[in-house]
Amino acid sequence: MNLINIEDLTKIYAERKLFDGASFSLQDGEKIGVIGINGTGKTTLLRMIMGEEETDEGTVTTANHVVMRYLPQHPEFEPEKSSLECVLEGNVTEENRWSVESDARAMMMRLGIKDFMQPAGQLSGGQRKRLALISVLLSPADILLLDEPTNNLDIATLTILEDYLDRYDGIVVTVSHDRYFLDRTMKRIFAFEGDGKLKQYEGGYTDYVNRLAAEGRTPGGNIAARSAGADISGNSQNQKSEESVIEKNDSTATWKQKKKLKFSYKEQKEYETIEDDIAALEQKLEDLDNEMAANATNAAKLRELVEEKENAEKMLEEKMDRWEYLEELAAKIAGQQS
């Protein structure tokens, strides 16, 4: 049974088409990874499925009584509310309060949020993301819409999320730049390829990269070239101009002439240790949170710890950006070996 039907979807921002007649349907159990460069319309697609953003043309229809939960890329909470209140908001009624609150506390403890009364305004970016993730997963849903769910998550939380999605039997639509996560959890890729084109590829991210490599393309490459992916936009692959065919041929020739990608020695060593580096920084942030709580009445010490935490968060963000680059490079290297 189709839970979502999208027909002839068109959306234009600042005279630029994000979608041009996209049509597709999703059934129970489907797990879709949505990829594309920034600004192509990935988050907009999720918001239109949620009904939070209107289409310019076309329709988005969901089955009756379907429950959807949405994880935004940058969760926001009222800063004065406690962590527990943020998680329970929208999940609790008078009838289920006891059981839901018990589940919420257990999930928060499991994901390292031990101070239930800590105001949301004092939480780090990673803690806020974990809080939003708990809120989304706390109540049953037919459809999960996840926008960059792995950003700012530690390895332990990533593993918990992956295991949860393995067991989840509803629809998952995930916007992500995390190649490993897409390979691990998704079964189909929707790729934004520019000019309103949205195409689907069976399999995970590596399958997608291998498919493009077989065509002489790389992710984010010549989007005008003909693709073997199924076109779910309104653009017919048979209606290519002579210019597009020339662009494809030129792109393929250029690709074949390129020297094969490979890690430098420094990049290889960095790639082998970067997850350990990230885990160490995440542990340091947790230790600093605990130390700040213990020194809550010592203003001088607290200022010192806050500065140290800000530096650690900056280092973690830089490491995460570097990890994403190395993961993308590793995927491209794997793709050219197929």
Protein backbone atom coordinates (compact mmCIF):
# COMPACT_ATOMS: atom_id res chain seq x y z
CA MET A 1 0.00 0.00 0.00
CA ASN A 2 1.31 3.44 -0.95
CA LEU A 3 1.56 5.74 2.07
CA ILE A 4 2.90 8.69 0.06
CA ASN A 5 2.01 9.68 -3.51
CA ILE A 6 3.75 12.61 -5.19
CA GLU A 7 2.62 13.68 -8.65
CA ASP A 8 4.09 16.31 -10.99
CA LEU A 9 5.84 18.14 -8.16
CA THR A 10 7.28 21.51 -9.16
CA LYS A 11 8.96 24.03 -6.88
CA ILE A 12 10.78 27.22 -7.85
CA TYR A 13 12.99 29.38 -5.63
CA ALA A 14 14.43 32.66 -6.88
CA GLU A 15 13.67 31.68 -10.50
CA ARG A 16 15.53 28.37 -10.03
CA LYS A 17 13.67 25.08 -10.34
CA LEU A 18 14.24 22.68 -7.46
CA PHE A 19 11.77 20.14 -8.85
CA ASP A 20 10.40 19.88 -12.35
CA GLY A 21 7.42 17.54 -12.49
CA ALA A 22 8.76 14.94 -10.02
CA SER A 23 6.47 11.94 -9.44
CA PHE A 24 6.97 8.92 -7.16
CA SER A 25 5.24 6.86 -4.49
CA LEU A 26 6.51 5.19 -1.32
CA GLN A 27 5.28 2.04 0.40
CA ASP A 28 5.69 0.58 3.88
CA GLY A 29 9.25 -0.50 4.63
CA GLU A 30 11.00 1.65 2.03
CA LYS A 31 14.21 3.38 3.09
CA ILE A 32 15.21 6.28 0.86
CA GLY A 33 18.45 8.28 1.02
CA VAL A 34 18.20 11.77 -0.49
CA ILE A 35 21.45 13.29 -1.77
CA GLY A 36 22.60 16.34 -3.69
CA ILE A 37 24.70 19.45 -3.29
CA ASN A 38 23.52 22.12 -0.87
CA GLY A 39 20.64 24.25 -2.09
CA THR A 40 19.17 21.71 -4.52
CA GLY A 41 15.95 21.15 -2.55
CA LYS A 42 16.56 18.19 -0.22
CA THR A 43 15.16 19.81 2.93
CA THR A 44 12.39 21.40 0.89
CA LEU A 45 11.28 17.93 -0.23
CA LEU A 46 10.98 16.77 3.38
CA ARG A 47 9.07 19.89 4.37
CA MET A 48 6.62 19.47 1.49
CA ILE A 49 6.01 15.83 2.45
CA MET A 50 5.33 17.06 6.00
CA GLY A 51 2.94 19.69 4.69
CA GLU A 52 5.06 22.52 6.10
CA GLU A 53 5.79 24.00 2.68
CA GLU A 54 3.48 24.43 -0.28
CA THR A 55 4.17 23.18 -3.79
CA ASP A 56 4.08 25.50 -6.79
CA GLU A 57 2.53 22.74 -8.90
CA GLY A 58 1.64 19.11 -8.32
CA THR A 59 0.33 17.24 -5.29
CA VAL A 60 1.66 15.46 -2.20
CA THR A 61 -0.86 12.95 -0.87
CA THR A 62 -0.53 10.75 2.21
CA ALA A 63 -2.77 7.87 3.24
CA ASN A 64 -5.41 8.43 5.92
CA HIS A 65 -4.33 8.38 9.57
CA VAL A 66 -0.63 8.28 8.70
CA VAL A 67 1.64 9.56 11.48
CA MET A 68 4.83 11.34 10.39
CA ARG A 69 7.74 12.50 12.54
CA TYR A 70 10.32 15.02 11.32
CA LEU A 71 13.90 15.50 12.55
CA PRO A 72 15.18 18.92 11.39
CA GLN A 73 18.82 19.47 10.56
CA HIS A 74 19.18 22.13 13.26
CA PRO A 75 16.77 21.34 16.13
CA GLU A 76 15.61 24.29 18.21
CA PHE A 77 14.13 24.21 21.70
CA GLU A 78 12.92 26.90 24.06
CA PRO A 79 16.13 27.61 25.99
CA GLU A 80 14.51 27.75 29.43
CA LYS A 81 12.76 24.37 29.12
CA SER A 82 14.36 21.32 30.70
CA SER A 83 15.76 18.54 28.54
CA LEU A 84 13.00 16.20 29.68
CA GLU A 85 10.27 18.73 28.87
CA CYS A 86 11.70 19.16 25.36
CA VAL A 87 11.61 15.42 24.74
CA LEU A 88 8.08 14.97 26.09
CA GLU A 89 6.57 17.90 24.16
CA GLY A 90 4.19 16.54 21.54
CA ASN A 91 4.62 12.96 22.77
CA VAL A 92 2.72 12.88 26.04
CA THR A 93 -0.95 12.88 27.05
CA GLU A 94 -2.61 12.46 30.42
CA GLU A 95 -3.25 8.81 29.61
CA ASN A 96 0.30 7.86 28.58
CA ARG A 97 2.37 10.29 30.66
CA TRP A 98 3.83 7.73 33.06
CA SER A 99 4.91 5.18 30.43
CA VAL A 100 6.18 7.78 27.93
CA GLU A 101 8.15 9.68 30.57
CA SER A 102 9.69 6.41 31.77
CA ASP A 103 10.72 5.53 28.19
CA ALA A 104 12.07 9.06 27.66
CA ARG A 105 14.26 8.91 30.75
CA ALA A 106 15.63 5.53 29.71
CA MET A 107 16.44 6.73 26.18
CA MET A 108 18.08 9.90 27.50
CA MET A 109 20.28 7.90 29.86
CA ARG A 110 21.23 5.53 27.06
CA LEU A 111 22.27 8.45 24.84
CA GLY A 112 24.30 10.13 27.56
CA ILE A 113 21.86 12.85 28.66
CA LYS A 114 21.84 12.30 32.42
CA ASP A 115 20.68 15.69 33.70
CA PHE A 116 16.98 15.67 32.83
CA MET A 117 16.46 19.14 34.30
CA GLN A 118 19.30 20.86 32.43
CA PRO A 119 17.89 23.80 30.40
CA ALA A 120 17.99 23.27 26.64
CA GLY A 121 19.83 26.56 26.26
CA GLN A 122 22.86 25.04 28.01
CA LEU A 123 23.12 22.02 25.71
CA SER A 124 25.79 21.55 23.05
CA GLY A 125 24.86 21.03 19.40
CA GLY A 126 25.39 17.28 19.73
CA GLN A 127 23.22 17.10 22.85
CA ARG A 128 20.42 19.04 21.15
CA LYS A 129 20.55 16.68 18.17
CA ARG A 130 20.34 13.66 20.47
CA LEU A 131 17.42 15.27 22.32
CA ALA A 132 15.55 15.87 19.05
CA LEU A 133 16.28 12.31 17.91
CA ILE A 134 14.83 10.90 21.15
CA SER A 135 11.73 13.06 20.71
CA VAL A 136 11.20 11.78 17.15
CA LEU A 137 11.72 8.11 18.04
CA LEU A 138 9.79 8.17 21.31
CA SER A 139 6.31 7.77 19.82
CA PRO A 140 5.19 5.33 17.09
CA ALA A 141 5.18 6.69 13.54
CA ASP A 142 4.46 5.37 10.06
CA ILE A 143 6.95 7.68 8.34
CA LEU A 144 10.26 9.12 9.56
CA LEU A 145 11.67 12.17 7.78
CA LEU A 146 15.27 12.72 8.90
CA ASP A 147 17.34 15.74 7.85
CA GLU A 148 21.07 15.07 8.31
CA PRO A 149 20.42 12.78 11.30
CA THR A 150 24.09 11.86 11.83
CA ASN A 151 25.40 15.43 12.19
CA ASN A 152 26.95 16.04 15.63
CA LEU A 153 26.24 12.47 16.77
CA ASP A 154 28.90 10.37 18.46
CA ILE A 155 29.71 6.86 17.26
CA ALA A 156 27.69 5.20 20.04
CA THR A 157 24.55 7.17 19.16
CA LEU A 158 25.06 6.47 15.46
CA THR A 159 25.13 2.76 16.19
CA ILE A 160 21.90 3.00 18.20
CA LEU A 161 20.20 4.92 15.37
CA GLU A 162 21.36 2.42 12.74
CA ASP A 163 20.11 -0.52 14.81
CA TYR A 164 16.76 1.21 15.33
CA LEU A 165 16.32 1.81 11.59
CA ASP A 166 17.21 -1.83 10.89
CA ARG A 167 14.21 -2.89 12.99
CA TYR A 168 11.88 -0.12 11.87
CA ASP A 169 9.25 -1.34 9.38
CA GLY A 170 7.79 2.00 8.28
CA ILE A 171 9.01 4.45 5.62
CA VAL A 172 12.28 6.32 6.19
CA VAL A 173 13.30 9.30 4.02
CA THR A 174 16.74 10.58 5.01
CA VAL A 175 18.69 13.58 3.75
CA SER A 176 22.35 12.85 4.45
CA HIS A 177 25.93 13.50 3.36
CA ASP A 178 27.10 10.55 5.46
CA ARG A 179 28.05 7.94 2.86
CA TYR A 180 28.60 5.14 5.34
CA PHE A 181 25.23 5.77 7.00
CA LEU A 182 23.47 5.70 3.61
CA ASP A 183 25.17 2.41 2.72
CA ARG A 184 24.36 0.95 6.12
CA THR A 185 20.66 1.88 6.31
CA MET A 186 19.17 2.94 2.96
CA LYS A 187 17.90 0.73 0.10
CA ARG A 188 17.33 3.37 -2.59
CA ILE A 189 18.92 6.72 -3.47
CA PHE A 190 17.07 9.80 -4.71
CA ALA A 191 19.68 12.09 -6.30
CA PHE A 192 19.13 15.77 -7.04
CA GLU A 193 21.08 16.26 -10.26
CA GLY A 194 20.30 19.92 -10.97
CA ASP A 195 17.87 21.70 -13.32
CA GLY A 196 14.91 20.20 -11.45
CA LYS A 197 16.01 16.60 -12.10
CA LEU A 198 15.39 14.07 -9.35
CA LYS A 199 16.52 10.53 -10.19
CA GLN A 200 16.39 7.28 -8.28
CA TYR A 201 18.97 4.51 -8.05
CA GLU A 202 18.52 1.12 -6.43
CA GLY A 203 20.86 0.25 -3.56
CA GLY A 204 22.93 2.35 -1.17
CA TYR A 205 25.39 5.15 -1.79
CA THR A 206 28.23 2.91 -2.99
CA ASP A 207 25.89 1.31 -5.53
CA TYR A 208 25.02 4.82 -6.73
CA VAL A 209 28.71 5.80 -7.04
CA ASN A 210 29.48 2.59 -8.92
CA ARG A 211 26.61 3.24 -11.32
CA LEU A 212 27.88 6.72 -12.08
CA ALA A 213 31.46 5.47 -12.48
CA ALA A 214 30.25 2.97 -15.07
CA GLU A 215 28.88 5.96 -17.00
CA GLY A 216 32.10 7.95 -16.62
CA ARG A 217 30.64 10.28 -14.02
CA THR A 218 31.24 11.09 -10.37
CA PRO A 219 28.81 12.46 -7.77
CA GLY A 220 28.27 16.14 -8.36
CA GLY A 221 29.75 15.87 -11.85
CA ASN A 222 28.14 16.63 -15.20
CA ILE A 223 24.46 16.68 -14.30
CA ALA A 224 23.45 17.37 -17.89
CA ALA A 225 24.81 14.02 -19.04
CA ARG A 226 22.37 11.16 -19.63
CA SER A 227 22.04 8.93 -16.56
CA ALA A 228 20.99 5.32 -16.19
CA GLY A 229 19.06 6.30 -13.08
CA ALA A 230 15.29 6.29 -13.40
CA ASP A 231 14.14 9.88 -14.00
CA ILE A 232 11.34 10.71 -11.55
CA SER A 233 11.20 14.31 -12.65
CA GLY A 234 9.07 15.32 -15.59
CA ASN A 235 12.09 15.44 -17.90
CA SER A 236 12.16 12.64 -20.47
CA GLN A 237 15.61 11.12 -21.05
CA ASN A 238 14.73 10.80 -24.71
CA GLN A 239 14.38 14.56 -25.09
CA LYS A 240 18.09 15.38 -24.82
CA SER A 241 19.48 18.10 -27.02
CA GLU A 242 22.52 17.56 -29.23
CA GLU A 243 24.37 19.87 -26.85
CA SER A 244 23.65 17.53 -23.91
CA VAL A 245 24.99 14.54 -25.85
CA ILE A 246 28.16 16.47 -26.68
CA GLU A 247 28.52 17.43 -23.01
CA LYS A 248 28.23 13.77 -22.04
CA ASN A 249 30.86 12.70 -24.54
CA ASP A 250 33.21 15.47 -23.47
CA SER A 251 32.69 14.65 -19.82
CA THR A 252 33.39 10.96 -20.38
CA ALA A 253 36.57 11.67 -22.34
CA THR A 254 37.79 14.06 -19.65
CA TRP A 255 37.04 11.54 -16.90
CA LYS A 256 39.00 8.80 -18.67
CA GLN A 257 41.99 11.09 -19.00
CA LYS A 258 42.03 11.96 -15.30
CA LYS A 259 44.58 10.37 -13.06
CA LYS A 260 42.96 7.88 -10.70
CA LEU A 261 42.07 9.19 -7.28
CA LYS A 262 43.92 7.83 -4.28
CA PHE A 263 44.70 8.77 -0.70
CA SER A 264 47.97 10.52 0.01
CA TYR A 265 50.05 8.89 2.75
CA LYS A 266 48.96 11.59 5.19
CA GLU A 267 45.28 11.20 4.24
CA GLN A 268 45.46 7.41 4.62
CA LYS A 269 46.91 7.73 8.13
CA GLU A 270 44.35 10.40 9.02
CA TYR A 271 41.49 8.25 7.68
CA GLU A 272 42.61 5.32 9.82
CA THR A 273 42.50 7.32 13.06
CA ILE A 274 39.92 10.07 12.57
CA GLU A 275 37.00 8.18 14.13
CA ASP A 276 39.09 7.58 17.26
CA ASP A 277 39.97 11.29 17.30
CA ILE A 278 36.28 12.20 17.07
CA ALA A 279 35.36 9.76 19.84
CA ALA A 280 38.08 11.24 22.07
CA LEU A 281 36.78 14.77 21.52
CA GLU A 282 33.22 13.65 22.23
CA GLN A 283 34.40 12.04 25.47
CA LYS A 284 36.24 15.25 26.36
CA LEU A 285 33.04 17.27 25.86
CA GLU A 286 31.12 14.88 28.08
CA ASP A 287 33.81 15.13 30.77
CA LEU A 288 33.71 18.93 30.53
CA ASP A 289 29.91 18.90 30.92
CA ASN A 290 30.28 16.84 34.08
CA GLU A 291 33.03 19.13 35.39
CA MET A 292 30.90 22.21 34.67
CA ALA A 293 28.02 20.71 36.63
CA ALA A 294 30.36 20.02 39.56
CA ASN A 295 31.65 23.62 39.48
CA ALA A 296 28.32 25.35 38.93
CA THR A 297 28.92 27.72 41.87
CA ASN A 298 32.57 28.50 41.03
CA ALA A 299 32.28 31.38 38.56
CA ALA A 300 36.00 31.61 37.74
CA LYS A 301 36.39 27.88 37.13
CA LEU A 302 33.14 27.79 35.15
CA ARG A 303 34.39 30.52 32.78
CA GLU A 304 37.58 28.52 32.22
CA LEU A 305 35.61 25.34 31.50
CA VAL A 306 33.20 27.13 29.13
CA GLU A 307 36.14 28.46 27.09
CA GLU A 308 37.72 25.00 27.01
CA LYS A 309 34.42 23.47 25.90
CA GLU A 310 34.01 26.03 23.10
CA ASN A 311 37.49 25.18 21.80
CA ALA A 312 36.74 21.45 21.95
CA GLU A 313 33.44 21.92 20.09
CA LYS A 314 35.26 23.89 17.38
CA MET A 315 37.86 21.12 17.05
CA LEU A 316 35.11 18.50 16.86
CA GLU A 317 33.30 20.42 14.13
CA GLU A 318 36.54 20.66 12.12
CA LYS A 319 37.16 16.92 12.59
CA MET A 320 33.62 16.09 11.46
CA ASP A 321 34.03 18.22 8.32
CA ARG A 322 37.34 16.49 7.62
CA TRP A 323 35.75 13.06 8.21
CA GLU A 324 33.00 13.84 5.68
CA TYR A 325 35.64 14.82 3.09
CA LEU A 326 37.66 11.64 3.67
CA GLU A 327 34.52 9.46 3.53
CA GLU A 328 33.53 11.06 0.22
CA LEU A 329 37.03 10.55 -1.17
CA ALA A 330 37.05 6.92 -0.02
CA ALA A 331 33.70 6.33 -1.77
CA LYS A 332 35.03 7.84 -5.01
CA ILE A 333 38.16 5.68 -4.82
CA ALA A 334 36.01 2.59 -4.29
CA GLY A 335 33.78 3.59 -7.18
CA GLN A 336 36.61 3.86 -9.71
CA GLN A 337 37.84 0.37 -8.78
CA SER A 338 34.57 -1.30 -9.84
